């Protein structure tokens, strides 16, 4: 057996240093991802102060914002949607040009409806809602965030 084929001591140290660096990077990324899923993170923006306050008073306060506002079918879809909506939110938060009343996009409505049914499917399965074409927000819009008295990002 020829031991000269194996890496030298410096190479092994470099590989171990790289592996340790990767572990640290993954840990930091995971912690950042978990923090970005938290209501404290979501409620830290000016335009989200009112929605965060009404959520804290709702009967859904045990759930994070992303449990309702992001898709859960796949991690890839969740990450893409999180990046897309996060970038849009940062852009409008920076410009302070959110409308006085925050409005869901069609995609946002679709995601929320799917998530409502993910948790409440047994409640609606024997109703007209269970037959398809659900629009949970149509009747339950004020359930979590009240009547949307948000001031958005516009200056008063």
N, C-alpha and C. Protein backbone atom coordinates (compact mmCIF):
# COMPACT_ATOMS: atom_id res chain seq x y z
N UNK A 1 0.85 -1.18 0.00
CA UNK A 1 0.00 0.00 0.00
C UNK A 1 0.90 1.25 0.00
N UNK A 2 0.59 2.20 -0.87
CA UNK A 2 1.39 3.40 -1.01
C UNK A 2 0.70 4.54 -0.26
N UNK A 3 1.28 4.93 0.90
CA UNK A 3 0.67 5.98 1.72
C UNK A 3 0.91 7.38 1.19
N UNK A 4 1.70 7.52 0.16
CA UNK A 4 1.95 8.84 -0.42
C UNK A 4 0.74 9.31 -1.23
N UNK A 5 -0.21 8.42 -1.48
CA UNK A 5 -1.43 8.81 -2.19
C UNK A 5 -2.36 9.63 -1.29
N UNK A 6 -2.26 9.45 0.02
CA UNK A 6 -3.15 10.15 0.95
C UNK A 6 -2.72 11.60 1.09
N UNK A 7 -3.66 12.49 1.38
CA UNK A 7 -3.33 13.92 1.51
C UNK A 7 -2.36 14.18 2.65
N UNK A 8 -1.59 15.21 2.47
CA UNK A 8 -0.64 15.64 3.50
C UNK A 8 -1.40 16.28 4.65
N UNK A 9 -0.71 16.51 5.77
CA UNK A 9 -1.32 17.10 6.97
C UNK A 9 -1.97 18.44 6.71
N UNK A 10 -1.35 19.29 5.89
CA UNK A 10 -1.93 20.62 5.61
C UNK A 10 -3.25 20.48 4.84
N UNK A 11 -3.30 19.54 3.95
CA UNK A 11 -4.53 19.32 3.17
C UNK A 11 -5.66 18.85 4.07
N UNK A 12 -5.35 17.95 5.00
CA UNK A 12 -6.37 17.46 5.93
C UNK A 12 -6.87 18.61 6.80
N UNK A 13 -5.95 19.45 7.27
CA UNK A 13 -6.37 20.61 8.08
C UNK A 13 -7.27 21.55 7.26
N UNK A 14 -6.93 21.76 6.01
CA UNK A 14 -7.72 22.62 5.14
C UNK A 14 -9.13 22.03 4.94
N UNK A 15 -9.22 20.74 4.74
CA UNK A 15 -10.52 20.08 4.58
C UNK A 15 -11.33 20.21 5.86
N UNK A 16 -10.70 19.97 7.02
CA UNK A 16 -11.41 20.10 8.30
C UNK A 16 -11.85 21.55 8.55
N UNK A 17 -11.02 22.51 8.20
CA UNK A 17 -11.36 23.92 8.35
C UNK A 17 -12.55 24.26 7.44
N UNK A 18 -12.53 23.76 6.22
CA UNK A 18 -13.65 23.99 5.30
C UNK A 18 -14.94 23.37 5.81
N UNK A 19 -14.86 22.16 6.35
CA UNK A 19 -16.05 21.48 6.89
C UNK A 19 -16.60 22.25 8.09
N UNK A 20 -15.70 22.70 8.97
CA UNK A 20 -16.14 23.48 10.13
C UNK A 20 -16.79 24.80 9.68
N UNK A 21 -16.20 25.43 8.68
CA UNK A 21 -16.78 26.67 8.14
C UNK A 21 -18.16 26.43 7.55
N UNK A 22 -18.32 25.31 6.86
CA UNK A 22 -19.63 24.97 6.28
C UNK A 22 -20.67 24.75 7.37
N UNK A 23 -20.29 24.08 8.46
CA UNK A 23 -21.21 23.86 9.57
C UNK A 23 -21.63 25.20 10.19
N UNK A 24 -20.67 26.09 10.38
CA UNK A 24 -20.98 27.41 10.93
C UNK A 24 -21.91 28.18 9.99
N UNK A 25 -21.62 28.15 8.69
CA UNK A 25 -22.44 28.87 7.71
C UNK A 25 -23.87 28.33 7.67
N UNK A 26 -24.02 27.01 7.69
CA UNK A 26 -25.36 26.40 7.68
C UNK A 26 -26.11 26.74 8.96
N UNK A 27 -25.41 26.75 10.09
CA UNK A 27 -26.05 27.11 11.37
C UNK A 27 -26.54 28.55 11.35
N UNK A 28 -25.71 29.46 10.87
CA UNK A 28 -26.10 30.88 10.79
C UNK A 28 -27.27 31.06 9.82
N UNK A 29 -27.19 30.40 8.66
CA UNK A 29 -28.28 30.50 7.68
C UNK A 29 -29.58 29.94 8.25
N UNK A 30 -29.51 28.82 8.95
CA UNK A 30 -30.70 28.23 9.55
C UNK A 30 -31.30 29.12 10.63
N UNK A 31 -30.44 29.71 11.46
CA UNK A 31 -30.93 30.62 12.49
C UNK A 31 -31.57 31.86 11.87
N UNK A 32 -30.95 32.37 10.82
CA UNK A 32 -31.52 33.53 10.11
C UNK A 32 -32.86 33.20 9.49
N UNK A 33 -32.95 32.02 8.89
CA UNK A 33 -34.21 31.58 8.29
C UNK A 33 -35.29 31.45 9.35
N UNK A 34 -34.96 30.85 10.49
CA UNK A 34 -35.93 30.69 11.58
C UNK A 34 -36.37 32.05 12.11
N UNK A 35 -35.43 32.99 12.26
CA UNK A 35 -35.79 34.32 12.75
C UNK A 35 -36.68 35.04 11.73
N UNK A 36 -36.40 34.87 10.44
CA UNK A 36 -37.20 35.52 9.41
C UNK A 36 -38.61 34.92 9.33
N UNK A 37 -38.84 33.77 9.93
CA UNK A 37 -40.17 33.16 10.01
C UNK A 37 -40.95 33.64 11.23
N UNK A 38 -40.31 34.40 12.09
CA UNK A 38 -40.94 34.77 13.36
C UNK A 38 -41.81 36.02 13.24
N UNK A 39 -42.86 36.11 14.05
CA UNK A 39 -43.69 37.31 14.07
C UNK A 39 -42.90 38.55 14.52
N UNK A 40 -41.88 38.37 15.34
CA UNK A 40 -41.06 39.52 15.76
C UNK A 40 -40.37 40.14 14.55
N UNK A 41 -39.89 39.30 13.65
CA UNK A 41 -39.26 39.80 12.43
C UNK A 41 -40.29 40.50 11.55
N UNK A 42 -41.41 39.82 11.30
CA UNK A 42 -42.44 40.38 10.42
C UNK A 42 -42.98 41.70 10.98
N UNK A 43 -43.18 41.76 12.28
CA UNK A 43 -43.75 42.95 12.89
C UNK A 43 -42.76 44.08 13.10
N UNK A 44 -41.51 43.89 12.72
CA UNK A 44 -40.50 44.94 12.94
C UNK A 44 -40.57 46.04 11.90
N UNK A 45 -41.28 45.84 10.80
CA UNK A 45 -41.41 46.87 9.77
C UNK A 45 -42.55 47.82 10.12
N UNK A 46 -42.39 49.07 9.75
CA UNK A 46 -43.39 50.11 10.03
C UNK A 46 -44.77 49.71 9.51
N UNK A 47 -44.82 49.19 8.29
CA UNK A 47 -46.11 48.88 7.67
C UNK A 47 -46.78 47.65 8.27
N UNK A 48 -46.07 46.87 9.07
CA UNK A 48 -46.63 45.65 9.65
C UNK A 48 -46.93 45.77 11.14
N UNK A 49 -46.79 46.93 11.70
CA UNK A 49 -47.04 47.12 13.13
C UNK A 49 -48.49 46.77 13.48
N UNK A 50 -49.43 47.30 12.73
CA UNK A 50 -50.85 47.04 12.99
C UNK A 50 -51.23 45.57 12.73
N UNK A 51 -50.83 44.99 11.60
CA UNK A 51 -51.14 43.57 11.41
C UNK A 51 -50.55 42.68 12.50
N UNK A 52 -49.35 42.99 12.96
CA UNK A 52 -48.73 42.19 14.03
C UNK A 52 -49.51 42.35 15.34
N UNK A 53 -49.96 43.56 15.63
CA UNK A 53 -50.71 43.81 16.86
C UNK A 53 -52.06 43.07 16.83
N UNK A 54 -52.74 43.09 15.70
CA UNK A 54 -54.04 42.41 15.63
C UNK A 54 -53.86 40.90 15.65
N UNK A 55 -52.76 40.42 15.04
CA UNK A 55 -52.48 38.97 15.09
C UNK A 55 -52.27 38.52 16.54
N UNK A 56 -51.54 39.32 17.35
CA UNK A 56 -51.29 38.95 18.75
C UNK A 56 -52.57 38.84 19.56
N UNK A 57 -53.64 39.50 19.11
CA UNK A 57 -54.92 39.44 19.83
C UNK A 57 -55.87 38.40 19.24
N UNK A 58 -55.45 37.72 18.19
CA UNK A 58 -56.34 36.78 17.50
C UNK A 58 -56.27 35.38 18.11
N UNK A 59 -57.17 34.53 17.67
CA UNK A 59 -57.16 33.14 18.13
C UNK A 59 -56.18 32.29 17.32
N UNK A 60 -55.39 32.91 16.45
CA UNK A 60 -54.36 32.21 15.69
C UNK A 60 -52.96 32.66 16.10
N UNK A 61 -52.83 33.29 17.24
CA UNK A 61 -51.54 33.85 17.66
C UNK A 61 -50.46 32.81 17.93
N UNK A 62 -50.83 31.54 18.00
CA UNK A 62 -49.83 30.50 18.21
C UNK A 62 -49.12 30.14 16.91
N UNK A 63 -49.60 30.64 15.78
CA UNK A 63 -48.98 30.35 14.48
C UNK A 63 -48.11 31.52 14.04
N UNK A 64 -47.04 31.20 13.32
CA UNK A 64 -46.19 32.26 12.78
C UNK A 64 -46.85 32.85 11.54
N UNK A 65 -46.40 34.01 11.13
CA UNK A 65 -46.93 34.66 9.94
C UNK A 65 -46.78 33.77 8.71
N UNK A 66 -45.64 33.10 8.61
CA UNK A 66 -45.37 32.30 7.43
C UNK A 66 -46.21 31.04 7.35
N UNK A 67 -46.77 30.59 8.46
CA UNK A 67 -47.63 29.41 8.41
C UNK A 67 -48.91 29.70 7.61
N UNK A 68 -49.32 30.96 7.57
CA UNK A 68 -50.49 31.33 6.78
C UNK A 68 -50.11 31.99 5.46
N UNK A 69 -49.05 32.76 5.45
CA UNK A 69 -48.72 33.61 4.30
C UNK A 69 -47.72 33.02 3.32
N UNK A 70 -47.19 31.83 3.57
CA UNK A 70 -46.28 31.19 2.62
C UNK A 70 -46.79 29.79 2.28
N UNK A 71 -46.51 29.31 1.06
CA UNK A 71 -46.93 27.96 0.68
C UNK A 71 -46.15 26.91 1.46
N UNK A 72 -46.75 25.74 1.61
CA UNK A 72 -46.11 24.65 2.35
C UNK A 72 -46.03 23.36 1.55
N UNK A 73 -46.26 23.42 0.26
CA UNK A 73 -46.21 22.22 -0.56
C UNK A 73 -44.79 21.71 -0.76
N UNK A 74 -43.84 22.63 -0.88
CA UNK A 74 -42.43 22.24 -1.02
C UNK A 74 -41.55 23.34 -0.46
N UNK A 75 -40.37 22.94 0.01
CA UNK A 75 -39.44 23.92 0.55
C UNK A 75 -38.98 24.89 -0.54
N UNK A 76 -38.79 24.38 -1.75
CA UNK A 76 -38.36 25.24 -2.85
C UNK A 76 -39.40 26.32 -3.13
N UNK A 77 -40.68 25.94 -3.20
CA UNK A 77 -41.75 26.91 -3.45
C UNK A 77 -41.83 27.93 -2.31
N UNK A 78 -41.66 27.45 -1.09
CA UNK A 78 -41.70 28.36 0.07
C UNK A 78 -40.55 29.36 0.00
N UNK A 79 -39.34 28.88 -0.31
CA UNK A 79 -38.19 29.77 -0.37
C UNK A 79 -38.32 30.80 -1.49
N UNK A 80 -38.78 30.37 -2.66
CA UNK A 80 -38.94 31.29 -3.78
C UNK A 80 -39.98 32.35 -3.44
N UNK A 81 -41.11 31.94 -2.88
CA UNK A 81 -42.15 32.89 -2.50
C UNK A 81 -41.66 33.82 -1.39
N UNK A 82 -40.93 33.28 -0.43
CA UNK A 82 -40.39 34.10 0.66
C UNK A 82 -39.43 35.16 0.13
N UNK A 83 -38.57 34.76 -0.82
CA UNK A 83 -37.64 35.73 -1.41
C UNK A 83 -38.38 36.78 -2.22
N UNK A 84 -39.35 36.35 -3.02
CA UNK A 84 -40.09 37.28 -3.86
C UNK A 84 -40.87 38.29 -3.02
N UNK A 85 -41.64 37.79 -2.06
CA UNK A 85 -42.43 38.70 -1.24
C UNK A 85 -41.55 39.52 -0.30
N UNK A 86 -40.49 38.91 0.20
CA UNK A 86 -39.57 39.64 1.07
C UNK A 86 -38.90 40.79 0.35
N UNK A 87 -38.45 40.55 -0.87
CA UNK A 87 -37.83 41.63 -1.65
C UNK A 87 -38.83 42.74 -1.95
N UNK A 88 -40.08 42.36 -2.28
CA UNK A 88 -41.11 43.37 -2.53
C UNK A 88 -41.39 44.18 -1.25
N UNK A 89 -41.47 43.48 -0.12
CA UNK A 89 -41.73 44.18 1.14
C UNK A 89 -40.60 45.14 1.50
N UNK A 90 -39.35 44.70 1.34
CA UNK A 90 -38.21 45.56 1.65
C UNK A 90 -38.21 46.79 0.73
N UNK A 91 -38.48 46.56 -0.54
CA UNK A 91 -38.53 47.67 -1.51
C UNK A 91 -39.55 48.72 -1.08
N UNK A 92 -40.80 48.28 -0.82
CA UNK A 92 -41.85 49.23 -0.45
C UNK A 92 -41.65 49.81 0.95
N UNK A 93 -41.09 49.03 1.85
CA UNK A 93 -40.81 49.54 3.19
C UNK A 93 -39.76 50.64 3.12
N UNK A 94 -38.75 50.44 2.30
CA UNK A 94 -37.68 51.43 2.14
C UNK A 94 -38.24 52.72 1.54
N UNK A 95 -39.09 52.60 0.53
CA UNK A 95 -39.67 53.78 -0.12
C UNK A 95 -40.82 54.38 0.68
N UNK A 96 -41.31 53.63 1.66
CA UNK A 96 -42.47 54.04 2.47
C UNK A 96 -43.67 54.36 1.59
N UNK A 97 -43.90 53.51 0.59
CA UNK A 97 -45.00 53.76 -0.32
C UNK A 97 -46.08 52.68 -0.27
N UNK A 98 -46.15 51.94 0.85
CA UNK A 98 -47.26 51.00 1.00
C UNK A 98 -48.56 51.79 1.02
N UNK A 99 -49.63 51.22 0.49
CA UNK A 99 -50.91 51.93 0.54
C UNK A 99 -51.41 52.01 1.99
N UNK A 100 -52.34 52.94 2.23
CA UNK A 100 -52.87 53.12 3.58
C UNK A 100 -53.51 51.83 4.09
N UNK A 101 -54.19 51.11 3.23
CA UNK A 101 -54.78 49.82 3.61
C UNK A 101 -54.04 48.74 2.83
N UNK A 102 -53.37 47.85 3.54
CA UNK A 102 -52.61 46.79 2.89
C UNK A 102 -53.57 45.83 2.19
N UNK A 103 -53.22 45.46 0.96
CA UNK A 103 -54.09 44.62 0.14
C UNK A 103 -53.31 43.38 -0.28
N UNK A 104 -53.93 42.21 -0.17
CA UNK A 104 -53.31 40.96 -0.60
C UNK A 104 -53.29 40.87 -2.11
N UNK A 105 -52.23 40.31 -2.64
CA UNK A 105 -52.18 40.00 -4.06
C UNK A 105 -53.04 38.76 -4.31
N UNK A 106 -53.35 38.49 -5.57
CA UNK A 106 -54.10 37.27 -5.91
C UNK A 106 -53.32 36.04 -5.46
N UNK A 107 -52.00 36.06 -5.66
CA UNK A 107 -51.17 34.94 -5.24
C UNK A 107 -51.25 34.77 -3.72
N UNK A 108 -51.22 35.89 -2.99
CA UNK A 108 -51.32 35.85 -1.53
C UNK A 108 -52.64 35.28 -1.07
N UNK A 109 -53.72 35.66 -1.73
CA UNK A 109 -55.04 35.12 -1.38
C UNK A 109 -55.08 33.61 -1.61
N UNK A 110 -54.51 33.17 -2.73
CA UNK A 110 -54.49 31.75 -3.05
C UNK A 110 -53.71 30.96 -2.00
N UNK A 111 -52.56 31.48 -1.60
CA UNK A 111 -51.72 30.81 -0.60
C UNK A 111 -52.46 30.73 0.73
N UNK A 112 -53.06 31.83 1.15
CA UNK A 112 -53.77 31.84 2.43
C UNK A 112 -54.95 30.87 2.40
N UNK A 113 -55.71 30.87 1.31
CA UNK A 113 -56.83 29.92 1.20
C UNK A 113 -56.35 28.48 1.31
N UNK A 114 -55.26 28.15 0.62
CA UNK A 114 -54.73 26.78 0.70
C UNK A 114 -54.31 26.44 2.12
N UNK A 115 -53.71 27.41 2.81
CA UNK A 115 -53.26 27.16 4.18
C UNK A 115 -54.43 27.07 5.15
N UNK A 116 -55.48 27.84 4.93
CA UNK A 116 -56.69 27.69 5.76
C UNK A 116 -57.21 26.27 5.64
N UNK A 117 -57.30 25.79 4.41
CA UNK A 117 -57.83 24.45 4.18
C UNK A 117 -56.89 23.37 4.67
N UNK A 118 -55.60 23.65 4.68
CA UNK A 118 -54.63 22.68 5.20
C UNK A 118 -54.93 22.38 6.66
N UNK A 119 -55.29 23.40 7.42
CA UNK A 119 -55.58 23.21 8.84
C UNK A 119 -57.05 22.89 9.11
N UNK A 120 -57.94 23.44 8.31
CA UNK A 120 -59.37 23.35 8.61
C UNK A 120 -60.14 22.48 7.62
N UNK A 121 -59.47 21.57 6.93
CA UNK A 121 -60.15 20.75 5.91
C UNK A 121 -61.29 19.92 6.51
N UNK A 122 -61.10 19.37 7.69
CA UNK A 122 -62.16 18.55 8.28
C UNK A 122 -63.38 19.39 8.68
N UNK A 123 -63.17 20.67 8.92
CA UNK A 123 -64.27 21.56 9.29
C UNK A 123 -65.14 21.87 8.08
N UNK A 124 -64.54 22.00 6.91
CA UNK A 124 -65.29 22.43 5.73
C UNK A 124 -65.58 21.31 4.74
N UNK A 125 -65.10 20.09 4.99
CA UNK A 125 -65.22 19.03 3.98
C UNK A 125 -66.67 18.69 3.63
N UNK A 126 -67.60 18.86 4.54
CA UNK A 126 -69.01 18.53 4.27
C UNK A 126 -69.87 19.78 4.05
N UNK A 127 -69.22 20.87 3.66
CA UNK A 127 -69.94 22.11 3.39
C UNK A 127 -69.74 22.48 1.92
N UNK A 128 -70.39 23.56 1.52
CA UNK A 128 -70.20 24.05 0.15
C UNK A 128 -68.75 24.43 -0.10
N UNK A 129 -68.06 24.88 0.94
CA UNK A 129 -66.64 25.24 0.81
C UNK A 129 -65.81 24.03 0.45
N UNK A 130 -66.20 22.86 0.89
CA UNK A 130 -65.45 21.64 0.62
C UNK A 130 -65.60 21.13 -0.80
N UNK A 131 -66.50 21.74 -1.58
CA UNK A 131 -66.74 21.29 -2.95
C UNK A 131 -65.77 21.92 -3.95
N UNK A 132 -64.89 22.79 -3.51
CA UNK A 132 -63.91 23.40 -4.41
C UNK A 132 -64.19 24.88 -4.61
N UNK A 133 -63.21 25.58 -5.14
CA UNK A 133 -63.36 27.01 -5.39
C UNK A 133 -63.44 27.83 -4.12
N UNK A 134 -62.76 27.40 -3.08
CA UNK A 134 -62.84 28.07 -1.79
C UNK A 134 -62.27 29.48 -1.84
N UNK A 135 -62.89 30.35 -1.10
CA UNK A 135 -62.37 31.69 -0.88
C UNK A 135 -62.63 32.00 0.59
N UNK A 136 -61.76 31.47 1.44
CA UNK A 136 -61.93 31.63 2.89
C UNK A 136 -61.92 33.10 3.30
N UNK A 137 -61.11 33.89 2.61
CA UNK A 137 -60.94 35.29 2.98
C UNK A 137 -62.21 36.10 2.72
N UNK A 138 -63.02 35.65 1.78
CA UNK A 138 -64.25 36.38 1.45
C UNK A 138 -65.11 36.60 2.70
N UNK A 139 -65.25 35.55 3.51
CA UNK A 139 -66.08 35.66 4.72
C UNK A 139 -65.27 35.87 6.00
N UNK A 140 -64.02 35.44 6.00
CA UNK A 140 -63.23 35.45 7.23
C UNK A 140 -62.07 36.43 7.20
N UNK A 141 -62.18 37.48 6.39
CA UNK A 141 -61.09 38.44 6.22
C UNK A 141 -60.65 39.06 7.54
N UNK A 142 -61.57 39.41 8.38
CA UNK A 142 -61.26 40.13 9.62
C UNK A 142 -60.90 39.20 10.78
N UNK A 143 -60.87 37.90 10.53
CA UNK A 143 -60.66 36.94 11.60
C UNK A 143 -59.32 37.13 12.32
N UNK A 144 -58.25 37.34 11.60
CA UNK A 144 -56.93 37.43 12.20
C UNK A 144 -56.47 38.87 12.38
N UNK A 145 -56.62 39.67 11.35
CA UNK A 145 -56.05 41.02 11.37
C UNK A 145 -57.09 42.12 11.49
N UNK A 146 -58.27 41.81 11.95
CA UNK A 146 -59.28 42.84 12.12
C UNK A 146 -59.73 43.41 10.79
N UNK A 147 -60.17 44.61 10.79
CA UNK A 147 -60.70 45.26 9.58
C UNK A 147 -59.62 46.04 8.84
N UNK A 148 -58.36 45.76 9.10
CA UNK A 148 -57.24 46.37 8.39
C UNK A 148 -57.25 47.89 8.52
N UNK A 149 -56.99 48.34 9.72
CA UNK A 149 -56.86 49.77 9.97
C UNK A 149 -55.41 50.21 9.85
N UNK A 150 -54.64 49.43 9.13
CA UNK A 150 -53.21 49.68 9.00
C UNK A 150 -52.96 51.02 8.30
N UNK A 151 -51.90 51.67 8.73
CA UNK A 151 -51.52 52.93 8.09
C UNK A 151 -50.54 52.70 6.95
N UNK A 152 -50.15 51.46 6.72
CA UNK A 152 -49.21 51.19 5.65
C UNK A 152 -47.93 51.93 5.85
N UNK A 153 -47.27 52.28 4.79
CA UNK A 153 -45.98 52.96 4.90
C UNK A 153 -46.06 54.43 4.56
N UNK A 154 -47.25 54.93 4.28
CA UNK A 154 -47.37 56.32 3.87
C UNK A 154 -47.22 57.24 5.06
N UNK A 155 -46.58 58.35 4.82
CA UNK A 155 -46.42 59.34 5.89
C UNK A 155 -47.78 60.00 6.18
N UNK A 156 -48.01 60.28 7.42
CA UNK A 156 -49.29 60.88 7.82
C UNK A 156 -49.31 62.36 7.53
